[in-house]
Structure formats: structure tokens, C-alpha cells
């Protein structure tokens, strides 16, 4: 059973006639010109065509939904990244604070235990726990910023910013009271 060239050149018809039953019906119709076989062949083609249209629609729908979803995710990531990159009051960024959020307090001693001056003691008490721990490790334990960063699980840059923010706050408070 050889199909005519116009069928072989058309992708849709070629796919339809890849089914042996459709090919058989077509050949029978060509030989007999029976209207019942023609209706049956037409009905099968309509069903085949509807399936192709449905598959094409679903393919396009999935494609455009994937693009839409990707845009939505990127937009959300940009918003979150933008918010986390904003500076807080003490010139630290939210992301740096969140990175060190799981800091456990250093047991048994505090920075305040090493301060005898009452004014300085009150200023140091107003610092955050994170800032106190960083100052304790840097100035009491004589650790380097890199070691403190490794110990606290934050970047060296975050340690430096926290240290500078704490020292600026102490300096500012002490100037007010002097």
C-alpha cells in the first residue's frame, strides 16, 4: 500500500496514516468509494485532529505558564534580595544580621564583666549581644577578625562592620556624657 505523495509531504496526514487501520480504511475507500468507509475515515481524522489541537494547546499553555512562573520567581527573588540589602540604623545590612542569627551567647562571661567604669559599662550594656560578643572576642580574647568570623559563622566583613558600629556607638555615647 503506497500512499500518494501529497500525504507523505504533509506532516499531519503522514502522522494520521502512520496508523495501519487508517491506512487500510483509506485504501479501501480509494478502491470502493463507499460512503460508509468515507464517514468512518472522516470521523477518525476529526478525532485525530482534535487530539493534535489539544496537545498543541497544552504544549503552548505549559510553555507560557513556565515563562510566567519564571518571571514571578525572579520578581520575588529581586524583591527579597532588595529588602535584605537595605541598611539598618547601625549601618548593617539585614542579610548580615540574618546570617549571624544563630549565634549562641558565649558562656560564663560577658564583656560587661571586664568594665569598671560605670559610664562605659552602661554604654556597653546598650549594645546588641552580637556586638558585645564580637568585642569580647576581639579585645579580651585577642582573636583576629577572621577567627571571630569563623567562630560565629559570619563573614569577616560582617565582623568588621559590627565592630565598627559598636565602637562608633560607644564613642558617640561617651562624647554626649563628657
N, C-alpha and C. Protein backbone atom coordinates (compact mmCIF):
# COMPACT_ATOMS: atom_id res chain seq x y z
N UNK A 1 0.83 -1.19 0.00
CA UNK A 1 0.00 0.00 0.00
C UNK A 1 0.88 1.25 0.00
N UNK A 2 0.98 1.87 -1.10
CA UNK A 2 1.75 3.10 -1.23
C UNK A 2 0.81 4.29 -1.16
N UNK A 3 1.15 5.23 -0.25
CA UNK A 3 0.34 6.44 -0.10
C UNK A 3 0.77 7.48 -1.13
N UNK A 4 -0.15 8.32 -1.57
CA UNK A 4 0.21 9.38 -2.54
C UNK A 4 1.20 10.37 -1.93
N UNK A 5 1.96 11.04 -2.78
CA UNK A 5 2.99 11.99 -2.34
C UNK A 5 2.44 13.14 -1.51
N UNK A 6 1.25 13.66 -1.85
CA UNK A 6 0.70 14.79 -1.09
C UNK A 6 0.45 14.41 0.37
N UNK A 7 0.21 13.14 0.64
CA UNK A 7 0.02 12.68 2.02
C UNK A 7 1.36 12.59 2.72
N UNK A 8 2.35 12.07 2.04
CA UNK A 8 3.68 11.92 2.64
C UNK A 8 4.35 13.27 2.92
N UNK A 9 4.00 14.30 2.16
CA UNK A 9 4.60 15.63 2.35
C UNK A 9 3.94 16.41 3.48
N UNK A 10 2.72 16.07 3.84
CA UNK A 10 2.00 16.77 4.90
C UNK A 10 2.23 16.04 6.22
N UNK A 11 2.83 16.73 7.19
CA UNK A 11 3.17 16.09 8.48
C UNK A 11 1.94 15.55 9.20
N UNK A 12 0.86 16.32 9.17
CA UNK A 12 -0.36 15.92 9.86
C UNK A 12 -0.93 14.64 9.24
N UNK A 13 -1.04 14.62 7.91
CA UNK A 13 -1.57 13.43 7.24
C UNK A 13 -0.63 12.24 7.37
N UNK A 14 0.65 12.52 7.29
CA UNK A 14 1.64 11.44 7.43
C UNK A 14 1.49 10.78 8.80
N UNK A 15 1.33 11.58 9.84
CA UNK A 15 1.14 11.04 11.18
C UNK A 15 -0.18 10.27 11.29
N UNK A 16 -1.23 10.80 10.68
CA UNK A 16 -2.54 10.13 10.71
C UNK A 16 -2.47 8.76 10.04
N UNK A 17 -1.77 8.71 8.94
CA UNK A 17 -1.68 7.45 8.21
C UNK A 17 -0.56 6.54 8.71
N UNK A 18 0.12 6.95 9.75
CA UNK A 18 1.10 6.03 10.36
C UNK A 18 0.37 4.90 11.09
N UNK A 19 -0.89 5.11 11.39
CA UNK A 19 -1.73 4.06 11.98
C UNK A 19 -2.20 3.15 10.83
N UNK A 20 -1.91 1.88 10.95
CA UNK A 20 -2.24 0.92 9.88
C UNK A 20 -3.74 0.86 9.59
N UNK A 21 -4.56 0.99 10.61
CA UNK A 21 -6.02 0.93 10.40
C UNK A 21 -6.50 2.09 9.54
N UNK A 22 -5.95 3.28 9.77
CA UNK A 22 -6.31 4.44 8.95
C UNK A 22 -5.86 4.25 7.51
N UNK A 23 -4.67 3.71 7.35
CA UNK A 23 -4.16 3.43 6.01
C UNK A 23 -5.08 2.43 5.28
N UNK A 24 -5.48 1.42 6.00
CA UNK A 24 -6.35 0.37 5.44
C UNK A 24 -7.70 0.96 5.00
N UNK A 25 -8.30 1.82 5.87
CA UNK A 25 -9.57 2.46 5.52
C UNK A 25 -9.43 3.34 4.28
N UNK A 26 -8.32 4.08 4.21
CA UNK A 26 -8.09 4.95 3.06
C UNK A 26 -7.98 4.15 1.77
N UNK A 27 -7.22 3.08 1.80
CA UNK A 27 -7.06 2.23 0.60
C UNK A 27 -8.39 1.61 0.20
N UNK A 28 -9.17 1.16 1.18
CA UNK A 28 -10.50 0.59 0.87
C UNK A 28 -11.41 1.63 0.23
N UNK A 29 -11.37 2.85 0.76
CA UNK A 29 -12.21 3.90 0.19
C UNK A 29 -11.79 4.21 -1.25
N UNK A 30 -10.48 4.28 -1.50
CA UNK A 30 -9.99 4.56 -2.85
C UNK A 30 -10.45 3.50 -3.85
N UNK A 31 -10.54 2.26 -3.38
CA UNK A 31 -10.95 1.16 -4.26
C UNK A 31 -12.47 1.11 -4.44
N UNK A 32 -13.21 1.30 -3.34
CA UNK A 32 -14.66 1.07 -3.37
C UNK A 32 -15.49 2.34 -3.47
N UNK A 33 -14.96 3.47 -3.06
CA UNK A 33 -15.68 4.75 -3.00
C UNK A 33 -16.96 4.61 -2.15
N UNK A 34 -16.89 3.81 -1.12
CA UNK A 34 -18.01 3.53 -0.22
C UNK A 34 -18.16 4.71 0.74
N UNK A 35 -19.38 5.28 0.83
CA UNK A 35 -19.63 6.45 1.68
C UNK A 35 -19.52 6.11 3.17
N UNK A 36 -19.82 4.89 3.55
CA UNK A 36 -19.71 4.46 4.95
C UNK A 36 -18.24 4.47 5.40
N UNK A 37 -17.38 3.97 4.53
CA UNK A 37 -15.93 3.98 4.83
C UNK A 37 -15.43 5.42 4.87
N UNK A 38 -15.93 6.26 3.99
CA UNK A 38 -15.53 7.68 3.98
C UNK A 38 -15.91 8.36 5.29
N UNK A 39 -17.16 8.13 5.75
CA UNK A 39 -17.59 8.73 7.03
C UNK A 39 -16.73 8.22 8.18
N UNK A 40 -16.45 6.94 8.15
CA UNK A 40 -15.62 6.34 9.21
C UNK A 40 -14.22 6.96 9.20
N UNK A 41 -13.63 7.11 8.01
CA UNK A 41 -12.31 7.72 7.87
C UNK A 41 -12.35 9.19 8.31
N UNK A 42 -13.39 9.91 7.91
CA UNK A 42 -13.55 11.31 8.32
C UNK A 42 -13.67 11.44 9.84
N UNK A 43 -14.46 10.55 10.42
CA UNK A 43 -14.65 10.59 11.88
C UNK A 43 -13.32 10.34 12.61
N UNK A 44 -12.57 9.37 12.13
CA UNK A 44 -11.27 9.07 12.74
C UNK A 44 -10.31 10.26 12.60
N UNK A 45 -10.36 10.94 11.42
CA UNK A 45 -9.48 12.09 11.22
C UNK A 45 -9.88 13.25 12.13
N UNK A 46 -11.19 13.47 12.30
CA UNK A 46 -11.65 14.54 13.19
C UNK A 46 -11.16 14.30 14.61
N UNK A 47 -11.26 13.07 15.08
CA UNK A 47 -10.79 12.74 16.44
C UNK A 47 -9.28 12.94 16.53
N UNK A 48 -8.56 12.46 15.52
CA UNK A 48 -7.11 12.63 15.47
C UNK A 48 -6.75 14.12 15.50
N UNK A 49 -7.44 14.91 14.68
CA UNK A 49 -7.17 16.35 14.59
C UNK A 49 -7.45 17.05 15.92
N UNK A 50 -8.53 16.68 16.59
CA UNK A 50 -8.84 17.26 17.91
C UNK A 50 -7.76 16.92 18.93
N UNK A 51 -7.26 15.69 18.87
CA UNK A 51 -6.18 15.31 19.79
C UNK A 51 -4.93 16.14 19.53
N UNK A 52 -4.60 16.34 18.27
CA UNK A 52 -3.43 17.15 17.90
C UNK A 52 -3.61 18.59 18.39
N UNK A 53 -4.81 19.15 18.18
CA UNK A 53 -5.07 20.52 18.65
C UNK A 53 -4.96 20.62 20.17
N UNK A 54 -5.48 19.61 20.87
CA UNK A 54 -5.41 19.61 22.33
C UNK A 54 -3.96 19.52 22.80
N UNK A 55 -3.19 18.67 22.16
CA UNK A 55 -1.77 18.53 22.53
C UNK A 55 -1.02 19.83 22.25
N UNK A 56 -1.29 20.45 21.11
CA UNK A 56 -0.64 21.71 20.76
C UNK A 56 -1.02 22.80 21.76
N UNK A 57 -2.29 22.86 22.11
CA UNK A 57 -2.75 23.85 23.10
C UNK A 57 -2.05 23.64 24.44
N UNK A 58 -2.00 22.38 24.89
CA UNK A 58 -1.35 22.09 26.18
C UNK A 58 0.13 22.43 26.14
N UNK A 59 0.77 22.14 25.01
CA UNK A 59 2.19 22.44 24.86
C UNK A 59 2.43 23.95 24.99
N UNK A 60 1.61 24.74 24.30
CA UNK A 60 1.76 26.20 24.38
C UNK A 60 1.41 26.71 25.78
N UNK A 61 0.39 26.14 26.37
CA UNK A 61 -0.02 26.55 27.71
C UNK A 61 1.11 26.29 28.71
N UNK A 62 1.70 25.12 28.65
CA UNK A 62 2.81 24.79 29.55
C UNK A 62 3.99 25.72 29.31
N UNK A 63 4.29 25.98 28.06
CA UNK A 63 5.40 26.85 27.71
C UNK A 63 5.21 28.25 28.31
N UNK A 64 4.04 28.85 28.08
CA UNK A 64 3.81 30.21 28.56
C UNK A 64 3.64 30.26 30.08
N UNK A 65 3.08 29.24 30.67
CA UNK A 65 2.98 29.19 32.13
C UNK A 65 4.37 29.07 32.76
N UNK A 66 5.26 28.32 32.12
CA UNK A 66 6.64 28.20 32.62
C UNK A 66 7.34 29.55 32.57
N UNK A 67 7.13 30.29 31.49
CA UNK A 67 7.73 31.63 31.38
C UNK A 67 7.15 32.55 32.45
N UNK A 68 5.84 32.51 32.63
CA UNK A 68 5.18 33.34 33.64
C UNK A 68 5.69 32.98 35.04
N UNK A 69 5.79 31.70 35.33
CA UNK A 69 6.27 31.25 36.63
C UNK A 69 7.70 31.71 36.86
N UNK A 70 8.54 31.60 35.84
CA UNK A 70 9.93 32.03 35.96
C UNK A 70 10.01 33.53 36.26
N UNK A 71 9.20 34.32 35.56
CA UNK A 71 9.18 35.77 35.82
C UNK A 71 8.74 36.07 37.24
N UNK A 72 7.74 35.33 37.71
CA UNK A 72 7.22 35.53 39.06
C UNK A 72 8.29 35.21 40.11
N UNK A 73 9.00 34.11 39.90
CA UNK A 73 10.06 33.71 40.84
C UNK A 73 11.18 34.73 40.84
N UNK A 74 11.59 35.18 39.67
CA UNK A 74 12.66 36.19 39.59
C UNK A 74 12.23 37.48 40.27
N UNK A 75 11.00 37.89 40.05
CA UNK A 75 10.49 39.11 40.66
C UNK A 75 10.52 39.00 42.18
N UNK A 76 10.07 37.86 42.69
CA UNK A 76 10.06 37.64 44.14
C UNK A 76 11.48 37.64 44.69
N UNK A 77 12.41 37.00 43.99
CA UNK A 77 13.80 36.96 44.44
C UNK A 77 14.41 38.36 44.46
N UNK A 78 14.10 39.17 43.44
CA UNK A 78 14.62 40.53 43.40
C UNK A 78 14.08 41.36 44.55
N UNK A 79 12.80 41.20 44.86
CA UNK A 79 12.21 41.95 45.97
C UNK A 79 12.85 41.55 47.29
N UNK A 80 13.02 40.25 47.51
CA UNK A 80 13.61 39.77 48.76
C UNK A 80 15.06 40.21 48.85
N UNK A 81 15.80 40.09 47.76
CA UNK A 81 17.21 40.49 47.77
C UNK A 81 17.32 41.99 48.02
N UNK A 82 16.42 42.77 47.44
CA UNK A 82 16.45 44.21 47.63
C UNK A 82 16.20 44.57 49.09
N UNK A 83 15.24 43.94 49.70
CA UNK A 83 14.92 44.23 51.10
C UNK A 83 16.07 43.83 52.00
N UNK A 84 16.67 42.68 51.74
CA UNK A 84 17.75 42.20 52.60
C UNK A 84 19.02 43.02 52.43
N UNK A 85 19.17 43.74 51.32
CA UNK A 85 20.35 44.55 51.11
C UNK A 85 20.22 45.96 51.68
N UNK A 86 19.06 46.31 52.20
CA UNK A 86 18.89 47.64 52.78
C UNK A 86 19.65 47.74 54.10
N UNK A 87 20.11 48.96 54.38
CA UNK A 87 20.85 49.19 55.62
C UNK A 87 19.90 49.45 56.77
N UNK A 88 20.31 48.99 57.95
CA UNK A 88 19.54 49.25 59.16
C UNK A 88 20.10 50.50 59.82
N UNK A 89 19.63 50.81 61.02
CA UNK A 89 20.05 52.03 61.72
C UNK A 89 21.55 52.07 61.98
N UNK A 90 22.15 50.94 62.36
CA UNK A 90 23.56 50.94 62.72
C UNK A 90 24.46 50.57 61.53
N UNK A 91 24.02 50.92 60.32
CA UNK A 91 24.76 50.74 59.08
C UNK A 91 25.09 49.28 58.76
N UNK A 92 24.36 48.38 59.33
CA UNK A 92 24.48 46.97 59.00
C UNK A 92 23.36 46.62 58.03
N UNK A 93 23.57 45.60 57.26
CA UNK A 93 22.51 45.17 56.34
C UNK A 93 21.76 44.02 56.98
N UNK A 94 20.47 43.93 56.66
CA UNK A 94 19.62 42.88 57.22
C UNK A 94 20.21 41.50 56.97
N UNK A 95 20.75 41.30 55.78
CA UNK A 95 21.28 39.97 55.42
C UNK A 95 22.43 39.59 56.35
N UNK A 96 23.25 40.56 56.75
CA UNK A 96 24.37 40.26 57.64
C UNK A 96 23.87 39.87 59.03
N UNK A 97 22.82 40.53 59.45
CA UNK A 97 22.24 40.20 60.75
C UNK A 97 21.63 38.80 60.71
N UNK A 98 20.94 38.49 59.61
CA UNK A 98 20.31 37.17 59.48
C UNK A 98 21.33 36.06 59.38
N UNK A 99 22.46 36.33 58.76
CA UNK A 99 23.49 35.30 58.63
C UNK A 99 24.02 34.89 60.00
N UNK A 100 24.10 35.81 60.91
CA UNK A 100 24.61 35.51 62.24
C UNK A 100 23.50 35.31 63.26
N UNK A 101 22.27 35.06 62.82
CA UNK A 101 21.13 34.96 63.72
C UNK A 101 21.20 33.78 64.67
N UNK A 102 21.98 32.77 64.31
CA UNK A 102 22.04 31.58 65.16
C UNK A 102 23.21 31.64 66.15
N UNK A 103 23.68 32.82 66.45
CA UNK A 103 24.81 32.96 67.38
C UNK A 103 24.36 32.58 68.78
N UNK A 104 25.11 31.70 69.36
CA UNK A 104 24.83 31.34 70.74
C UNK A 104 25.66 32.25 71.65
N UNK A 105 25.10 32.69 72.76
CA UNK A 105 25.88 33.54 73.65
C UNK A 105 27.10 32.80 74.19
N UNK A 106 28.17 33.54 74.36
CA UNK A 106 29.39 32.92 74.87
C UNK A 106 29.18 32.64 76.35
N UNK A 107 29.34 31.42 76.78
CA UNK A 107 29.03 31.04 78.16
C UNK A 107 30.03 31.59 79.18
N UNK A 108 29.55 31.75 80.38
CA UNK A 108 30.31 32.03 81.60
C UNK A 108 30.80 33.46 81.77
N UNK A 109 31.03 34.24 80.73
CA UNK A 109 31.48 35.60 80.95
C UNK A 109 30.93 36.52 79.88
N UNK A 110 30.84 37.79 80.25
CA UNK A 110 30.32 38.83 79.36
C UNK A 110 31.33 39.96 79.29
N UNK A 111 31.18 40.76 78.26
CA UNK A 111 32.06 41.91 78.09
C UNK A 111 31.93 42.87 79.28
N UNK A 112 30.69 42.99 79.78
CA UNK A 112 30.45 43.89 80.91
C UNK A 112 31.27 43.51 82.15
N UNK A 113 31.61 42.24 82.29
CA UNK A 113 32.38 41.78 83.46
C UNK A 113 33.79 42.37 83.49
N UNK A 114 34.28 42.86 82.37
CA UNK A 114 35.64 43.39 82.27
C UNK A 114 35.68 44.91 82.36
N UNK A 115 34.55 45.55 82.54
CA UNK A 115 34.50 47.01 82.53
C UNK A 115 34.26 47.52 83.95
N UNK A 116 35.11 48.46 84.37
CA UNK A 116 34.98 49.02 85.71
C UNK A 116 34.34 50.39 85.70
N UNK A 117 34.52 51.15 84.63
CA UNK A 117 33.96 52.49 84.53
C UNK A 117 32.45 52.40 84.36
N UNK A 118 31.69 53.09 85.23
CA UNK A 118 30.23 52.99 85.23
C UNK A 118 29.61 53.53 83.94
N UNK A 119 30.11 54.64 83.45
CA UNK A 119 29.59 55.24 82.22
C UNK A 119 29.80 54.30 81.03
N UNK A 120 31.01 53.80 80.89
CA UNK A 120 31.32 52.86 79.81
C UNK A 120 30.50 51.58 79.96
N UNK A 121 30.34 51.13 81.20
CA UNK A 121 29.54 49.92 81.48
C UNK A 121 28.10 50.09 80.96
N UNK A 122 27.48 51.23 81.23
CA UNK A 122 26.11 51.49 80.78
C UNK A 122 26.01 51.57 79.25
N UNK A 123 27.01 52.14 78.61
CA UNK A 123 27.02 52.24 77.15
C UNK A 123 27.15 50.85 76.53
N UNK A 124 28.05 50.04 77.09
CA UNK A 124 28.28 48.69 76.56
C UNK A 124 27.02 47.84 76.74
N UNK A 125 26.30 48.05 77.81
CA UNK A 125 25.06 47.29 78.03
C UNK A 125 24.02 47.58 76.95
N UNK A 126 24.09 48.76 76.33
CA UNK A 126 23.12 49.10 75.28
C UNK A 126 23.43 48.47 73.93
N UNK A 127 24.61 47.86 73.79
CA UNK A 127 24.97 47.19 72.53
C UNK A 127 24.20 45.88 72.39
N UNK A 128 24.10 45.41 71.16
CA UNK A 128 23.45 44.11 70.93
C UNK A 128 24.36 42.99 71.43
N UNK A 129 23.77 41.84 71.69
CA UNK A 129 24.56 40.68 72.16
C UNK A 129 25.63 40.32 71.15
N UNK A 130 25.29 40.41 69.90
CA UNK A 130 26.24 40.08 68.84
C UNK A 130 27.44 41.02 68.89
N UNK A 131 27.17 42.32 69.04
CA UNK A 131 28.26 43.29 69.12
C UNK A 131 29.13 43.06 70.35
N UNK A 132 28.48 42.77 71.47
CA UNK A 132 29.25 42.50 72.70
C UNK A 132 30.14 41.29 72.53
N UNK A 133 29.60 40.22 71.92
CA UNK A 133 30.39 39.00 71.72
C UNK A 133 31.58 39.26 70.80
N UNK A 134 31.36 40.04 69.76
CA UNK A 134 32.45 40.36 68.84
C UNK A 134 33.54 41.17 69.54
N UNK A 135 33.14 42.19 70.31
CA UNK A 135 34.13 42.99 71.04
C UNK A 135 34.87 42.15 72.07
N UNK A 136 34.16 41.26 72.74
CA UNK A 136 34.78 40.37 73.73
C UNK A 136 35.85 39.50 73.07
N UNK A 137 35.50 38.89 71.97
CA UNK A 137 36.45 38.00 71.29
C UNK A 137 37.64 38.78 70.71
N UNK A 138 37.38 39.98 70.20
CA UNK A 138 38.46 40.76 69.60
C UNK A 138 39.40 41.37 70.63
N UNK A 139 38.82 41.98 71.67
CA UNK A 139 39.64 42.76 72.59
C UNK A 139 40.01 42.05 73.89
N UNK A 140 39.21 41.12 74.33
CA UNK A 140 39.53 40.38 75.56
C UNK A 140 40.28 39.09 75.21
N UNK A 141 39.77 38.38 74.21
CA UNK A 141 40.39 37.12 73.81
C UNK A 141 41.51 37.32 72.80
N UNK A 142 41.69 38.54 72.29
CA UNK A 142 42.72 38.89 71.32
C UNK A 142 42.68 38.02 70.05
N UNK A 143 41.48 37.75 69.59
CA UNK A 143 41.35 36.99 68.35
C UNK A 143 41.32 37.95 67.17
N UNK A 144 41.68 37.43 66.03
CA UNK A 144 41.63 38.24 64.80
C UNK A 144 40.20 38.20 64.25
N UNK A 145 39.88 39.19 63.42
CA UNK A 145 38.53 39.26 62.85
C UNK A 145 38.17 37.98 62.09
N UNK A 146 39.14 37.42 61.40
CA UNK A 146 38.90 36.20 60.63
C UNK A 146 38.53 35.04 61.55
N UNK A 147 39.21 34.94 62.69
CA UNK A 147 38.92 33.88 63.66
C UNK A 147 37.53 34.07 64.27
N UNK A 148 37.19 35.31 64.58
CA UNK A 148 35.87 35.61 65.15
C UNK A 148 34.78 35.26 64.14
N UNK A 149 35.01 35.62 62.90
CA UNK A 149 34.04 35.33 61.84
C UNK A 149 33.82 33.82 61.72
N UNK A 150 34.90 33.08 61.73
CA UNK A 150 34.81 31.62 61.64
C UNK A 150 34.07 31.04 62.84
N UNK A 151 34.37 31.55 64.01
CA UNK A 151 33.74 31.05 65.24
C UNK A 151 32.24 31.35 65.27
N UNK A 152 31.86 32.55 64.83
CA UNK A 152 30.46 32.95 64.86
C UNK A 152 29.67 32.53 63.62
N UNK A 153 30.38 32.06 62.60
CA UNK A 153 29.70 31.61 61.39
C UNK A 153 29.20 32.75 60.52
N UNK A 154 29.93 33.86 60.50
CA UNK A 154 29.57 35.00 59.66
C UNK A 154 30.82 35.41 58.88
N UNK A 155 30.66 36.39 58.00
CA UNK A 155 31.80 36.82 57.19
C UNK A 155 32.69 37.76 58.00
N UNK A 156 33.95 37.87 57.57
CA UNK A 156 34.88 38.79 58.22
C UNK A 156 34.39 40.23 58.05
N UNK A 157 33.79 40.51 56.91
CA UNK A 157 33.25 41.84 56.66
C UNK A 157 32.14 42.17 57.66
N UNK A 158 31.29 41.19 57.96
CA UNK A 158 30.21 41.42 58.93
C UNK A 158 30.79 41.68 60.32
N UNK A 159 31.86 40.95 60.67
CA UNK A 159 32.52 41.18 61.97
C UNK A 159 33.06 42.60 62.03
N UNK A 160 33.72 43.02 60.96
CA UNK A 160 34.30 44.36 60.91
C UNK A 160 33.21 45.43 61.03
N UNK A 161 32.11 45.25 60.30
CA UNK A 161 31.02 46.24 60.36
C UNK A 161 30.40 46.29 61.75
N UNK A 162 30.18 45.13 62.35
CA UNK A 162 29.60 45.08 63.70
C UNK A 162 30.54 45.76 64.70
N UNK A 163 31.83 45.46 64.59
CA UNK A 163 32.83 46.07 65.49
C UNK A 163 32.82 47.58 65.33
N UNK A 164 32.89 48.05 64.08
CA UNK A 164 32.92 49.49 63.83
C UNK A 164 31.63 50.17 64.29
N UNK A 165 30.50 49.52 64.07
CA UNK A 165 29.22 50.10 64.52
C UNK A 165 29.19 50.19 66.04
N UNK A 166 29.66 49.16 66.71
CA UNK A 166 29.68 49.16 68.18
C UNK A 166 30.62 50.23 68.72
N UNK A 167 31.81 50.31 68.15
CA UNK A 167 32.77 51.32 68.61
C UNK A 167 32.28 52.74 68.33
N UNK A 168 31.62 52.93 67.20
CA UNK A 168 31.05 54.26 66.89
C UNK A 168 29.97 54.63 67.89
N UNK A 169 29.14 53.66 68.23
CA UNK A 169 28.07 53.91 69.20
C UNK A 169 28.66 54.24 70.57
N UNK A 170 29.68 53.50 70.99
CA UNK A 170 30.33 53.76 72.28
C UNK A 170 30.94 55.16 72.27
N UNK A 171 31.66 55.47 71.19
CA UNK A 171 32.32 56.77 71.08
C UNK A 171 31.29 57.91 71.12
N UNK A 172 30.18 57.74 70.40
CA UNK A 172 29.15 58.75 70.35
C UNK A 172 28.51 58.95 71.73
N UNK A 173 28.21 57.86 72.40
CA UNK A 173 27.57 57.94 73.73
C UNK A 173 28.52 58.58 74.75
N UNK A 174 29.79 58.23 74.68
CA UNK A 174 30.74 58.79 75.62
C UNK A 174 30.96 60.29 75.40
N UNK A 175 30.89 60.75 74.14
CA UNK A 175 31.03 62.18 73.87
C UNK A 175 29.86 62.97 74.42
N UNK A 176 28.68 62.38 74.39
CA UNK A 176 27.48 63.05 74.91
C UNK A 176 27.62 63.28 76.41
N UNK A 177 28.17 62.29 77.12
CA UNK A 177 28.25 62.37 78.57
C UNK A 177 29.48 63.08 79.09
N UNK A 178 30.40 63.46 78.23
CA UNK A 178 31.63 64.10 78.69
C UNK A 178 31.50 65.60 78.66
